[in-house]
Amino acid sequence: RINENGSIVFFIDGLILRFCVVSMMVHRSVFSYIPKFRSSL
C-alpha cells in the first residue's frame, strides 16, 4: 500500500507485504460454476 506522497504504509503487525485480493487471475471456466461478483460497493 502506497500513500499519496509515495511512502509505503505499514500495518498494525508491522508488515507491509499483504495478500492482494484484487490481483486474482482465473481461468474463464471458473465463472461457469462459481458465482460472479456480488452487487456490492
PDB file of all heavy atoms in Angstrom:
ATOM      1  N   ARG A   1       0.863  -1.181   0.000  1.00  0.00           N
ATOM      2  CA  ARG A   1       0.000   0.000   0.000  1.00  0.00           C
ATOM      3  C   ARG A   1       0.901   1.234   0.000  1.00  0.00           C
ATOM      4  O   ARG A   1       1.850   1.333   0.782  1.00  0.00           O
ATOM      5  CB  ARG A   1      -0.901   0.011   1.236  1.00  0.00           C
ATOM      6  CG  ARG A   1      -2.052  -0.983   1.170  1.00  0.00           C
ATOM      7  CD  ARG A   1      -3.061  -0.574   0.130  1.00  0.00           C
ATOM      8  NE  ARG A   1      -4.378  -1.141   0.391  1.00  0.00           N
ATOM      9  CZ  ARG A   1      -5.480  -0.765  -0.235  1.00  0.00           C
ATOM     10  NH1 ARG A   1      -5.421   0.164  -1.167  1.00  0.00           N
ATOM     11  NH2 ARG A   1      -6.631  -1.323   0.033  1.00  0.00           N
ATOM     12  N   ILE A   2       0.595   2.172  -0.888  1.00  0.00           N
ATOM     13  CA  ILE A   2       1.385   3.392  -1.043  1.00  0.00           C
ATOM     14  C   ILE A   2       0.482   4.598  -0.822  1.00  0.00           C
ATOM     15  O   ILE A   2      -0.607   4.672  -1.408  1.00  0.00           O
ATOM     16  CB  ILE A   2       2.000   3.475  -2.457  1.00  0.00           C
ATOM     17  CG1 ILE A   2       2.767   2.200  -2.792  1.00  0.00           C
ATOM     18  CG2 ILE A   2       2.890   4.706  -2.597  1.00  0.00           C
ATOM     19  CD1 ILE A   2       4.010   1.986  -1.984  1.00  0.00           C
ATOM     20  N   ASN A   3       0.914   5.551   0.024  1.00  0.00           N
ATOM     21  CA  ASN A   3       0.086   6.750   0.181  1.00  0.00           C
ATOM     22  C   ASN A   3       0.397   7.758  -0.918  1.00  0.00           C
ATOM     23  O   ASN A   3       1.259   7.526  -1.777  1.00  0.00           O
ATOM     24  CB  ASN A   3       0.228   7.349   1.584  1.00  0.00           C
ATOM     25  CG  ASN A   3       1.642   7.834   1.878  1.00  0.00           C
ATOM     26  OD1 ASN A   3       2.390   8.190   0.975  1.00  0.00           O
ATOM     27  ND2 ASN A   3       2.009   7.842   3.145  1.00  0.00           N
ATOM     28  N   GLU A   4      -0.292   8.865  -0.878  1.00  0.00           N
ATOM     29  CA  GLU A   4      -0.229   9.812  -1.996  1.00  0.00           C
ATOM     30  C   GLU A   4       1.125  10.492  -2.153  1.00  0.00           C
ATOM     31  O   GLU A   4       1.429  11.026  -3.229  1.00  0.00           O
ATOM     32  CB  GLU A   4      -1.346  10.849  -1.837  1.00  0.00           C
ATOM     33  CG  GLU A   4      -2.730  10.258  -2.058  1.00  0.00           C
ATOM     34  CD  GLU A   4      -3.857  11.239  -1.772  1.00  0.00           C
ATOM     35  OE1 GLU A   4      -3.901  11.759  -0.630  1.00  0.00           O
ATOM     36  OE2 GLU A   4      -4.678  11.489  -2.659  1.00  0.00           O
ATOM     37  N   ASN A   5       1.936  10.487  -1.122  1.00  0.00           N
ATOM     38  CA  ASN A   5       3.273  11.084  -1.274  1.00  0.00           C
ATOM     39  C   ASN A   5       4.344  10.050  -1.603  1.00  0.00           C
ATOM     40  O   ASN A   5       5.534  10.352  -1.641  1.00  0.00           O
ATOM     41  CB  ASN A   5       3.659  11.877  -0.015  1.00  0.00           C
ATOM     42  CG  ASN A   5       3.822  10.990   1.213  1.00  0.00           C
ATOM     43  OD1 ASN A   5       3.938   9.768   1.098  1.00  0.00           O
ATOM     44  ND2 ASN A   5       3.837  11.593   2.389  1.00  0.00           N
ATOM     45  N   GLY A   6       3.896   8.789  -1.846  1.00  0.00           N
ATOM     46  CA  GLY A   6       4.816   7.746  -2.283  1.00  0.00           C
ATOM     47  C   GLY A   6       5.393   6.888  -1.179  1.00  0.00           C
ATOM     48  O   GLY A   6       6.174   5.974  -1.454  1.00  0.00           O
ATOM     49  N   SER A   7       5.003   7.153   0.071  1.00  0.00           N
ATOM     50  CA  SER A   7       5.523   6.369   1.194  1.00  0.00           C
ATOM     51  C   SER A   7       4.750   5.053   1.335  1.00  0.00           C
ATOM     52  O   SER A   7       3.543   5.012   1.081  1.00  0.00           O
ATOM     53  CB  SER A   7       5.406   7.164   2.500  1.00  0.00           C
ATOM     54  OG  SER A   7       6.168   8.351   2.432  1.00  0.00           O
ATOM     55  N   ILE A   8       5.448   4.009   1.762  1.00  0.00           N
ATOM     56  CA  ILE A   8       4.817   2.712   1.984  1.00  0.00           C
ATOM     57  C   ILE A   8       4.070   2.729   3.315  1.00  0.00           C
ATOM     58  O   ILE A   8       4.546   3.253   4.313  1.00  0.00           O
ATOM     59  CB  ILE A   8       5.875   1.593   1.977  1.00  0.00           C
ATOM     60  CG1 ILE A   8       6.514   1.484   0.581  1.00  0.00           C
ATOM     61  CG2 ILE A   8       5.268   0.256   2.376  1.00  0.00           C
ATOM     62  CD1 ILE A   8       7.660   0.507   0.502  1.00  0.00           C
ATOM     63  N   VAL A   9       2.887   2.149   3.320  1.00  0.00           N
ATOM     64  CA  VAL A   9       2.047   2.113   4.519  1.00  0.00           C
ATOM     65  C   VAL A   9       2.328   0.843   5.311  1.00  0.00           C
ATOM     66  O   VAL A   9       2.251  -0.269   4.775  1.00  0.00           O
ATOM     67  CB  VAL A   9       0.551   2.169   4.123  1.00  0.00           C
ATOM     68  CG1 VAL A   9      -0.335   2.047   5.361  1.00  0.00           C
ATOM     69  CG2 VAL A   9       0.246   3.462   3.373  1.00  0.00           C
ATOM     70  N   PHE A  10       2.648   0.996   6.594  1.00  0.00           N
ATOM     71  CA  PHE A  10       2.840  -0.130   7.493  1.00  0.00           C
ATOM     72  C   PHE A  10       1.531  -0.431   8.213  1.00  0.00           C
ATOM     73  O   PHE A  10       0.787   0.476   8.572  1.00  0.00           O
ATOM     74  CB  PHE A  10       3.933   0.175   8.519  1.00  0.00           C
ATOM     75  CG  PHE A  10       5.317   0.131   7.954  1.00  0.00           C
ATOM     76  CD1 PHE A  10       5.841   1.213   7.262  1.00  0.00           C
ATOM     77  CD2 PHE A  10       6.103  -1.003   8.102  1.00  0.00           C
ATOM     78  CE1 PHE A  10       7.122   1.170   6.730  1.00  0.00           C
ATOM     79  CE2 PHE A  10       7.389  -1.055   7.576  1.00  0.00           C
ATOM     80  CZ  PHE A  10       7.897   0.034   6.884  1.00  0.00           C
ATOM     81  N   PHE A  11       1.266  -1.723   8.443  1.00  0.00           N
ATOM     82  CA  PHE A  11       0.048  -2.126   9.140  1.00  0.00           C
ATOM     83  C   PHE A  11       0.335  -2.396  10.609  1.00  0.00           C
ATOM     84  O   PHE A  11       1.476  -2.323  11.059  1.00  0.00           O
ATOM     85  CB  PHE A  11      -0.566  -3.346   8.442  1.00  0.00           C
ATOM     86  CG  PHE A  11      -1.314  -2.990   7.193  1.00  0.00           C
ATOM     87  CD1 PHE A  11      -0.632  -2.539   6.062  1.00  0.00           C
ATOM     88  CD2 PHE A  11      -2.692  -3.071   7.144  1.00  0.00           C
ATOM     89  CE1 PHE A  11      -1.322  -2.193   4.915  1.00  0.00           C
ATOM     90  CE2 PHE A  11      -3.388  -2.724   6.001  1.00  0.00           C
ATOM     91  CZ  PHE A  11      -2.707  -2.283   4.883  1.00  0.00           C
ATOM     92  N   ILE A  12      -0.710  -2.707  11.354  1.00  0.00           N
ATOM     93  CA  ILE A  12      -0.596  -2.829  12.805  1.00  0.00           C
ATOM     94  C   ILE A  12       0.381  -3.924  13.217  1.00  0.00           C
ATOM     95  O   ILE A  12       0.986  -3.857  14.289  1.00  0.00           O
ATOM     96  CB  ILE A  12      -1.992  -3.076  13.427  1.00  0.00           C
ATOM     97  CG1 ILE A  12      -1.943  -2.902  14.946  1.00  0.00           C
ATOM     98  CG2 ILE A  12      -2.535  -4.443  13.021  1.00  0.00           C
ATOM     99  CD1 ILE A  12      -3.305  -2.887  15.595  1.00  0.00           C
ATOM    100  N   ASP A  13       0.575  -4.928  12.352  1.00  0.00           N
ATOM    101  CA  ASP A  13       1.518  -6.004  12.661  1.00  0.00           C
ATOM    102  C   ASP A  13       2.946  -5.668  12.259  1.00  0.00           C
ATOM    103  O   ASP A  13       3.844  -6.494  12.393  1.00  0.00           O
ATOM    104  CB  ASP A  13       1.083  -7.304  11.993  1.00  0.00           C
ATOM    105  CG  ASP A  13       0.903  -7.165  10.473  1.00  0.00           C
ATOM    106  OD1 ASP A  13       1.297  -6.119   9.925  1.00  0.00           O
ATOM    107  OD2 ASP A  13       0.357  -8.099   9.862  1.00  0.00           O
ATOM    108  N   GLY A  14       3.163  -4.454  11.747  1.00  0.00           N
ATOM    109  CA  GLY A  14       4.499  -4.021  11.369  1.00  0.00           C
ATOM    110  C   GLY A  14       4.935  -4.458   9.989  1.00  0.00           C
ATOM    111  O   GLY A  14       6.042  -4.153   9.546  1.00  0.00           O
ATOM    112  N   LEU A  15       4.054  -5.183   9.265  1.00  0.00           N
ATOM    113  CA  LEU A  15       4.397  -5.698   7.942  1.00  0.00           C
ATOM    114  C   LEU A  15       3.848  -4.791   6.846  1.00  0.00           C
ATOM    115  O   LEU A  15       2.898  -4.044   7.050  1.00  0.00           O
ATOM    116  CB  LEU A  15       3.849  -7.110   7.774  1.00  0.00           C
ATOM    117  CG  LEU A  15       4.322  -8.146   8.793  1.00  0.00           C
ATOM    118  CD1 LEU A  15       3.665  -9.492   8.511  1.00  0.00           C
ATOM    119  CD2 LEU A  15       5.841  -8.280   8.766  1.00  0.00           C
ATOM    120  N   ILE A  16       4.449  -4.871   5.673  1.00  0.00           N
ATOM    121  CA  ILE A  16       3.976  -4.083   4.533  1.00  0.00           C
ATOM    122  C   ILE A  16       3.507  -4.960   3.379  1.00  0.00           C
ATOM    123  O   ILE A  16       2.692  -4.539   2.563  1.00  0.00           O
ATOM    124  CB  ILE A  16       5.064  -3.115   4.017  1.00  0.00           C
ATOM    125  CG1 ILE A  16       6.325  -3.875   3.597  1.00  0.00           C
ATOM    126  CG2 ILE A  16       5.380  -2.068   5.062  1.00  0.00           C
ATOM    127  CD1 ILE A  16       7.375  -2.999   2.948  1.00  0.00           C
ATOM    128  N   LEU A  17       4.011  -6.187   3.289  1.00  0.00           N
ATOM    129  CA  LEU A  17       3.646  -7.081   2.188  1.00  0.00           C
ATOM    130  C   LEU A  17       2.361  -7.816   2.545  1.00  0.00           C
ATOM    131  O   LEU A  17       2.321  -8.593   3.490  1.00  0.00           O
ATOM    132  CB  LEU A  17       4.773  -8.080   1.921  1.00  0.00           C
ATOM    133  CG  LEU A  17       4.726  -8.856   0.605  1.00  0.00           C
ATOM    134  CD1 LEU A  17       4.813  -7.907  -0.579  1.00  0.00           C
ATOM    135  CD2 LEU A  17       5.852  -9.881   0.550  1.00  0.00           C
ATOM    136  N   ARG A  18       1.273  -7.535   1.789  1.00  0.00           N
ATOM    137  CA  ARG A  18      -0.044  -8.063   2.128  1.00  0.00           C
ATOM    138  C   ARG A  18      -0.600  -8.926   0.997  1.00  0.00           C
ATOM    139  O   ARG A  18      -0.212  -8.776  -0.169  1.00  0.00           O
ATOM    140  CB  ARG A  18      -1.053  -6.932   2.378  1.00  0.00           C
ATOM    141  CG  ARG A  18      -0.532  -5.717   3.097  1.00  0.00           C
ATOM    142  CD  ARG A  18      -0.016  -5.990   4.467  1.00  0.00           C
ATOM    143  NE  ARG A  18      -1.011  -6.586   5.356  1.00  0.00           N
ATOM    144  CZ  ARG A  18      -0.774  -6.855   6.638  1.00  0.00           C
ATOM    145  NH1 ARG A  18       0.406  -6.595   7.164  1.00  0.00           N
ATOM    146  NH2 ARG A  18      -1.719  -7.388   7.380  1.00  0.00           N
ATOM    147  N   PHE A  19      -1.544  -9.780   1.345  1.00  0.00           N
ATOM    148  CA  PHE A  19      -2.296 -10.518   0.330  1.00  0.00           C
ATOM    149  C   PHE A  19      -3.140  -9.531  -0.476  1.00  0.00           C
ATOM    150  O   PHE A  19      -3.845  -8.695   0.077  1.00  0.00           O
ATOM    151  CB  PHE A  19      -3.192 -11.553   0.994  1.00  0.00           C
ATOM    152  CG  PHE A  19      -4.248 -12.119   0.078  1.00  0.00           C
ATOM    153  CD1 PHE A  19      -3.891 -12.745  -1.110  1.00  0.00           C
ATOM    154  CD2 PHE A  19      -5.592 -12.014   0.401  1.00  0.00           C
ATOM    155  CE1 PHE A  19      -4.870 -13.266  -1.959  1.00  0.00           C
ATOM    156  CE2 PHE A  19      -6.571 -12.533  -0.432  1.00  0.00           C
ATOM    157  CZ  PHE A  19      -6.211 -13.157  -1.610  1.00  0.00           C
ATOM    158  N   CYS A  20      -3.077  -9.654  -1.799  1.00  0.00           N
ATOM    159  CA  CYS A  20      -3.792  -8.716  -2.681  1.00  0.00           C
ATOM    160  C   CYS A  20      -4.967  -9.438  -3.331  1.00  0.00           C
ATOM    161  O   CYS A  20      -4.815 -10.097  -4.363  1.00  0.00           O
ATOM    162  CB  CYS A  20      -2.851  -8.164  -3.748  1.00  0.00           C
ATOM    163  SG  CYS A  20      -3.637  -6.985  -4.848  1.00  0.00           S
ATOM    164  N   VAL A  21      -6.142  -9.293  -2.737  1.00  0.00           N
ATOM    165  CA  VAL A  21      -7.322  -9.963  -3.272  1.00  0.00           C
ATOM    166  C   VAL A  21      -7.692  -9.414  -4.647  1.00  0.00           C
ATOM    167  O   VAL A  21      -8.282 -10.110  -5.477  1.00  0.00           O
ATOM    168  CB  VAL A  21      -8.498  -9.840  -2.280  1.00  0.00           C
ATOM    169  CG1 VAL A  21      -9.000  -8.414  -2.192  1.00  0.00           C
ATOM    170  CG2 VAL A  21      -9.624 -10.798  -2.630  1.00  0.00           C
ATOM    171  N   VAL A  22      -7.323  -8.171  -4.917  1.00  0.00           N
ATOM    172  CA  VAL A  22      -7.621  -7.539  -6.199  1.00  0.00           C
ATOM    173  C   VAL A  22      -6.886  -8.221  -7.346  1.00  0.00           C
ATOM    174  O   VAL A  22      -7.316  -8.178  -8.498  1.00  0.00           O
ATOM    175  CB  VAL A  22      -7.241  -6.035  -6.151  1.00  0.00           C
ATOM    176  CG1 VAL A  22      -7.461  -5.371  -7.487  1.00  0.00           C
ATOM    177  CG2 VAL A  22      -8.041  -5.325  -5.061  1.00  0.00           C
ATOM    178  N   SER A  23      -5.778  -8.889  -7.039  1.00  0.00           N
ATOM    179  CA  SER A  23      -4.910  -9.432  -8.086  1.00  0.00           C
ATOM    180  C   SER A  23      -5.393 -10.748  -8.681  1.00  0.00           C
ATOM    181  O   SER A  23      -4.775 -11.264  -9.610  1.00  0.00           O
ATOM    182  CB  SER A  23      -3.499  -9.635  -7.527  1.00  0.00           C
ATOM    183  OG  SER A  23      -3.497 -10.683  -6.567  1.00  0.00           O
ATOM    184  N   MET A  24      -6.462 -11.319  -8.173  1.00  0.00           N
ATOM    185  CA  MET A  24      -6.913 -12.649  -8.599  1.00  0.00           C
ATOM    186  C   MET A  24      -7.015 -12.772 -10.122  1.00  0.00           C
ATOM    187  O   MET A  24      -7.646 -11.962 -10.788  1.00  0.00           O
ATOM    188  CB  MET A  24      -8.269 -12.954  -7.982  1.00  0.00           C
ATOM    189  CG  MET A  24      -8.868 -14.289  -8.402  1.00  0.00           C
ATOM    190  SD  MET A  24      -8.046 -15.720  -7.695  1.00  0.00           S
ATOM    191  CE  MET A  24      -8.816 -15.764  -6.071  1.00  0.00           C
ATOM    192  N   MET A  25      -6.357 -13.789 -10.667  1.00  0.00           N
ATOM    193  CA  MET A  25      -6.483 -14.155 -12.083  1.00  0.00           C
ATOM    194  C   MET A  25      -7.051 -15.565 -12.134  1.00  0.00           C
ATOM    195  O   MET A  25      -6.590 -16.446 -11.407  1.00  0.00           O
ATOM    196  CB  MET A  25      -5.124 -14.115 -12.787  1.00  0.00           C
ATOM    197  CG  MET A  25      -5.174 -14.597 -14.238  1.00  0.00           C
ATOM    198  SD  MET A  25      -3.527 -14.730 -15.011  1.00  0.00           S
ATOM    199  CE  MET A  25      -3.166 -13.001 -15.298  1.00  0.00           C
ATOM    200  N   VAL A  26      -8.073 -15.785 -12.962  1.00  0.00           N
ATOM    201  CA  VAL A  26      -8.709 -17.103 -13.036  1.00  0.00           C
ATOM    202  C   VAL A  26      -8.893 -17.527 -14.485  1.00  0.00           C
ATOM    203  O   VAL A  26      -8.975 -16.694 -15.395  1.00  0.00           O
ATOM    204  CB  VAL A  26     -10.093 -17.108 -12.338  1.00  0.00           C
ATOM    205  CG1 VAL A  26      -9.975 -16.702 -10.879  1.00  0.00           C
ATOM    206  CG2 VAL A  26     -11.078 -16.202 -13.056  1.00  0.00           C
ATOM    207  N   HIS A  27      -8.954 -18.842 -14.685  1.00  0.00           N
ATOM    208  CA  HIS A  27      -9.360 -19.348 -15.989  1.00  0.00           C
ATOM    209  C   HIS A  27     -10.835 -19.041 -16.165  1.00  0.00           C
ATOM    210  O   HIS A  27     -11.620 -19.130 -15.216  1.00  0.00           O
ATOM    211  CB  HIS A  27      -9.120 -20.853 -16.076  1.00  0.00           C
ATOM    212  CG  HIS A  27      -9.265 -21.399 -17.468  1.00  0.00           C
ATOM    213  ND1 HIS A  27     -10.483 -21.778 -17.989  1.00  0.00           N
ATOM    214  CD2 HIS A  27      -8.351 -21.591 -18.461  1.00  0.00           C
ATOM    215  CE1 HIS A  27     -10.318 -22.202 -19.229  1.00  0.00           C
ATOM    216  NE2 HIS A  27      -9.032 -22.098 -19.553  1.00  0.00           N
ATOM    217  N   ARG A  28     -11.237 -18.655 -17.369  1.00  0.00           N
ATOM    218  CA  ARG A  28     -12.614 -18.184 -17.571  1.00  0.00           C
ATOM    219  C   ARG A  28     -13.657 -19.257 -17.241  1.00  0.00           C
ATOM    220  O   ARG A  28     -14.795 -18.939 -16.922  1.00  0.00           O
ATOM    221  CB  ARG A  28     -12.819 -17.648 -18.981  1.00  0.00           C
ATOM    222  CG  ARG A  28     -12.805 -18.665 -20.093  1.00  0.00           C
ATOM    223  CD  ARG A  28     -13.115 -18.005 -21.444  1.00  0.00           C
ATOM    224  NE  ARG A  28     -14.382 -17.290 -21.409  1.00  0.00           N
ATOM    225  CZ  ARG A  28     -14.500 -15.958 -21.423  1.00  0.00           C
ATOM    226  NH1 ARG A  28     -13.431 -15.193 -21.475  1.00  0.00           N
ATOM    227  NH2 ARG A  28     -15.674 -15.390 -21.391  1.00  0.00           N
ATOM    228  N   SER A  29     -13.268 -20.542 -17.281  1.00  0.00           N
ATOM    229  CA  SER A  29     -14.207 -21.612 -16.952  1.00  0.00           C
ATOM    230  C   SER A  29     -14.683 -21.529 -15.506  1.00  0.00           C
ATOM    231  O   SER A  29     -15.754 -22.051 -15.169  1.00  0.00           O
ATOM    232  CB  SER A  29     -13.557 -22.981 -17.199  1.00  0.00           C
ATOM    233  OG  SER A  29     -12.428 -23.172 -16.358  1.00  0.00           O
ATOM    234  N   VAL A  30     -13.892 -20.883 -14.645  1.00  0.00           N
ATOM    235  CA  VAL A  30     -14.262 -20.753 -13.231  1.00  0.00           C
ATOM    236  C   VAL A  30     -15.618 -20.071 -13.073  1.00  0.00           C
ATOM    237  O   VAL A  30     -16.416 -20.421 -12.197  1.00  0.00           O
ATOM    238  CB  VAL A  30     -13.170 -19.979 -12.467  1.00  0.00           C
ATOM    239  CG1 VAL A  30     -13.658 -19.554 -11.078  1.00  0.00           C
ATOM    240  CG2 VAL A  30     -11.904 -20.822 -12.346  1.00  0.00           C
ATOM    241  N   PHE A  31     -15.909 -19.120 -13.957  1.00  0.00           N
ATOM    242  CA  PHE A  31     -17.150 -18.360 -13.836  1.00  0.00           C
ATOM    243  C   PHE A  31     -18.379 -19.175 -14.254  1.00  0.00           C
ATOM    244  O   PHE A  31     -19.502 -18.718 -14.084  1.00  0.00           O
ATOM    245  CB  PHE A  31     -17.073 -17.079 -14.659  1.00  0.00           C
ATOM    246  CG  PHE A  31     -16.098 -16.081 -14.104  1.00  0.00           C
ATOM    247  CD1 PHE A  31     -14.869 -15.875 -14.711  1.00  0.00           C
ATOM    248  CD2 PHE A  31     -16.403 -15.352 -12.967  1.00  0.00           C
ATOM    249  CE1 PHE A  31     -13.965 -14.959 -14.197  1.00  0.00           C
ATOM    250  CE2 PHE A  31     -15.510 -14.440 -12.447  1.00  0.00           C
ATOM    251  CZ  PHE A  31     -14.284 -14.245 -13.056  1.00  0.00           C
ATOM    252  N   SER A  32     -18.162 -20.377 -14.766  1.00  0.00           N
ATOM    253  CA  SER A  32     -19.304 -21.214 -15.138  1.00  0.00           C
ATOM    254  C   SER A  32     -19.881 -21.954 -13.939  1.00  0.00           C
ATOM    255  O   SER A  32     -21.008 -22.441 -13.994  1.00  0.00           O
ATOM    256  CB  SER A  32     -18.903 -22.219 -16.224  1.00  0.00           C
ATOM    257  OG  SER A  32     -17.947 -23.141 -15.726  1.00  0.00           O
ATOM    258  N   TYR A  33     -19.112 -22.040 -12.850  1.00  0.00           N
ATOM    259  CA  TYR A  33     -19.629 -22.749 -11.673  1.00  0.00           C
ATOM    260  C   TYR A  33     -19.365 -22.041 -10.346  1.00  0.00           C
ATOM    261  O   TYR A  33     -19.744 -22.547  -9.283  1.00  0.00           O
ATOM    262  CB  TYR A  33     -19.065 -24.177 -11.607  1.00  0.00           C
ATOM    263  CG  TYR A  33     -17.568 -24.291 -11.696  1.00  0.00           C
ATOM    264  CD1 TYR A  33     -16.776 -24.314 -10.561  1.00  0.00           C
ATOM    265  CD2 TYR A  33     -16.940 -24.412 -12.942  1.00  0.00           C
ATOM    266  CE1 TYR A  33     -15.402 -24.436 -10.645  1.00  0.00           C
ATOM    267  CE2 TYR A  33     -15.563 -24.550 -13.040  1.00  0.00           C
ATOM    268  CZ  TYR A  33     -14.795 -24.561 -11.889  1.00  0.00           C
ATOM    269  OH  TYR A  33     -13.437 -24.682 -11.989  1.00  0.00           O
ATOM    270  N   ILE A  34     -18.734 -20.877 -10.384  1.00  0.00           N
ATOM    271  CA  ILE A  34     -18.578 -20.057  -9.185  1.00  0.00           C
ATOM    272  C   ILE A  34     -19.324 -18.744  -9.417  1.00  0.00           C
ATOM    273  O   ILE A  34     -19.200 -18.134 -10.484  1.00  0.00           O
ATOM    274  CB  ILE A  34     -17.093 -19.787  -8.882  1.00  0.00           C
ATOM    275  CG1 ILE A  34     -16.414 -21.081  -8.434  1.00  0.00           C
ATOM    276  CG2 ILE A  34     -16.936 -18.722  -7.811  1.00  0.00           C
ATOM    277  CD1 ILE A  34     -14.966 -20.924  -8.070  1.00  0.00           C
ATOM    278  N   PRO A  35     -20.121 -18.298  -8.448  1.00  0.00           N
ATOM    279  CA  PRO A  35     -20.859 -17.038  -8.631  1.00  0.00           C
ATOM    280  C   PRO A  35     -19.932 -15.882  -8.963  1.00  0.00           C
ATOM    281  O   PRO A  35     -18.800 -15.806  -8.463  1.00  0.00           O
ATOM    282  CB  PRO A  35     -21.525 -16.833  -7.259  1.00  0.00           C
ATOM    283  CG  PRO A  35     -21.589 -18.184  -6.652  1.00  0.00           C
ATOM    284  CD  PRO A  35     -20.375 -18.926  -7.140  1.00  0.00           C
ATOM    285  N   LYS A  36     -20.412 -14.999  -9.814  1.00  0.00           N
ATOM    286  CA  LYS A  36     -19.639 -13.796 -10.126  1.00  0.00           C
ATOM    287  C   LYS A  36     -19.671 -12.852  -8.923  1.00  0.00           C
ATOM    288  O   LYS A  36     -20.071 -13.240  -7.824  1.00  0.00           O
ATOM    289  CB  LYS A  36     -20.208 -13.129 -11.382  1.00  0.00           C
ATOM    290  CG  LYS A  36     -20.002 -13.946 -12.646  1.00  0.00           C
ATOM    291  CD  LYS A  36     -20.526 -13.204 -13.873  1.00  0.00           C
ATOM    292  CE  LYS A  36     -20.352 -14.039 -15.127  1.00  0.00           C
ATOM    293  NZ  LYS A  36     -20.875 -13.340 -16.328  1.00  0.00           N
ATOM    294  N   PHE A  37     -19.272 -11.636  -9.122  1.00  0.00           N
ATOM    295  CA  PHE A  37     -19.153 -10.693  -8.017  1.00  0.00           C
ATOM    296  C   PHE A  37     -20.528 -10.211  -7.548  1.00  0.00           C
ATOM    297  O   PHE A  37     -21.414  -9.941  -8.351  1.00  0.00           O
ATOM    298  CB  PHE A  37     -18.298  -9.499  -8.431  1.00  0.00           C
ATOM    299  CG  PHE A  37     -16.878  -9.874  -8.749  1.00  0.00           C
ATOM    300  CD1 PHE A  37     -16.493 -10.136 -10.052  1.00  0.00           C
ATOM    301  CD2 PHE A  37     -15.930  -9.991  -7.744  1.00  0.00           C
ATOM    302  CE1 PHE A  37     -15.192 -10.497 -10.363  1.00  0.00           C
ATOM    303  CE2 PHE A  37     -14.621 -10.347  -8.032  1.00  0.00           C
ATOM    304  CZ  PHE A  37     -14.248 -10.605  -9.345  1.00  0.00           C
ATOM    305  N   ARG A  38     -20.666 -10.076  -6.239  1.00  0.00           N
ATOM    306  CA  ARG A  38     -21.901  -9.577  -5.656  1.00  0.00           C
ATOM    307  C   ARG A  38     -22.065  -8.087  -5.991  1.00  0.00           C
ATOM    308  O   ARG A  38     -21.099  -7.371  -6.164  1.00  0.00           O
ATOM    309  CB  ARG A  38     -21.856  -9.755  -4.142  1.00  0.00           C
ATOM    310  CG  ARG A  38     -23.162  -9.510  -3.416  1.00  0.00           C
ATOM    311  CD  ARG A  38     -24.044 -10.704  -3.386  1.00  0.00           C
ATOM    312  NE  ARG A  38     -23.455 -11.819  -2.641  1.00  0.00           N
ATOM    313  CZ  ARG A  38     -24.096 -12.954  -2.402  1.00  0.00           C
ATOM    314  NH1 ARG A  38     -25.329 -13.150  -2.862  1.00  0.00           N
ATOM    315  NH2 ARG A  38     -23.495 -13.944  -1.737  1.00  0.00           N
ATOM    316  N   SER A  39     -23.312  -7.635  -6.077  1.00  0.00           N
ATOM    317  CA  SER A  39     -23.591  -6.225  -6.397  1.00  0.00           C
ATOM    318  C   SER A  39     -23.416  -5.363  -5.156  1.00  0.00           C
ATOM    319  O   SER A  39     -24.361  -4.783  -4.614  1.00  0.00           O
ATOM    320  CB  SER A  39     -25.006  -6.077  -6.958  1.00  0.00           C
ATOM    321  OG  SER A  39     -25.125  -6.714  -8.204  1.00  0.00           O
ATOM    322  N   SER A  40     -22.177  -5.259  -4.717  1.00  0.00           N
ATOM    323  CA  SER A  40     -21.833  -4.510  -3.511  1.00  0.00           C
ATOM    324  C   SER A  40     -20.886  -3.372  -3.855  1.00  0.00           C
ATOM    325  O   SER A  40     -20.149  -3.430  -4.844  1.00  0.00           O
ATOM    326  CB  SER A  40     -21.173  -5.442  -2.486  1.00  0.00           C
ATOM    327  OG  SER A  40     -20.699  -4.724  -1.375  1.00  0.00           O
ATOM    328  N   LEU A  41     -20.894  -2.353  -3.025  1.00  0.00           N
ATOM    329  CA  LEU A  41     -19.958  -1.252  -3.210  1.00  0.00           C
ATOM    330  C   LEU A  41     -18.544  -1.670  -2.839  1.00  0.00           C
ATOM    331  O   LEU A  41     -17.572  -1.222  -3.441  1.00  0.00           O
ATOM    332  CB  LEU A  41     -20.401  -0.047  -2.361  1.00  0.00           C
ATOM    333  CG  LEU A  41     -19.497   1.185  -2.372  1.00  0.00           C
ATOM    334  CD1 LEU A  41     -19.391   1.769  -3.783  1.00  0.00           C
ATOM    335  CD2 LEU A  41     -20.009   2.235  -1.396  1.00  0.00           C
TER     336      LEU A  41
END
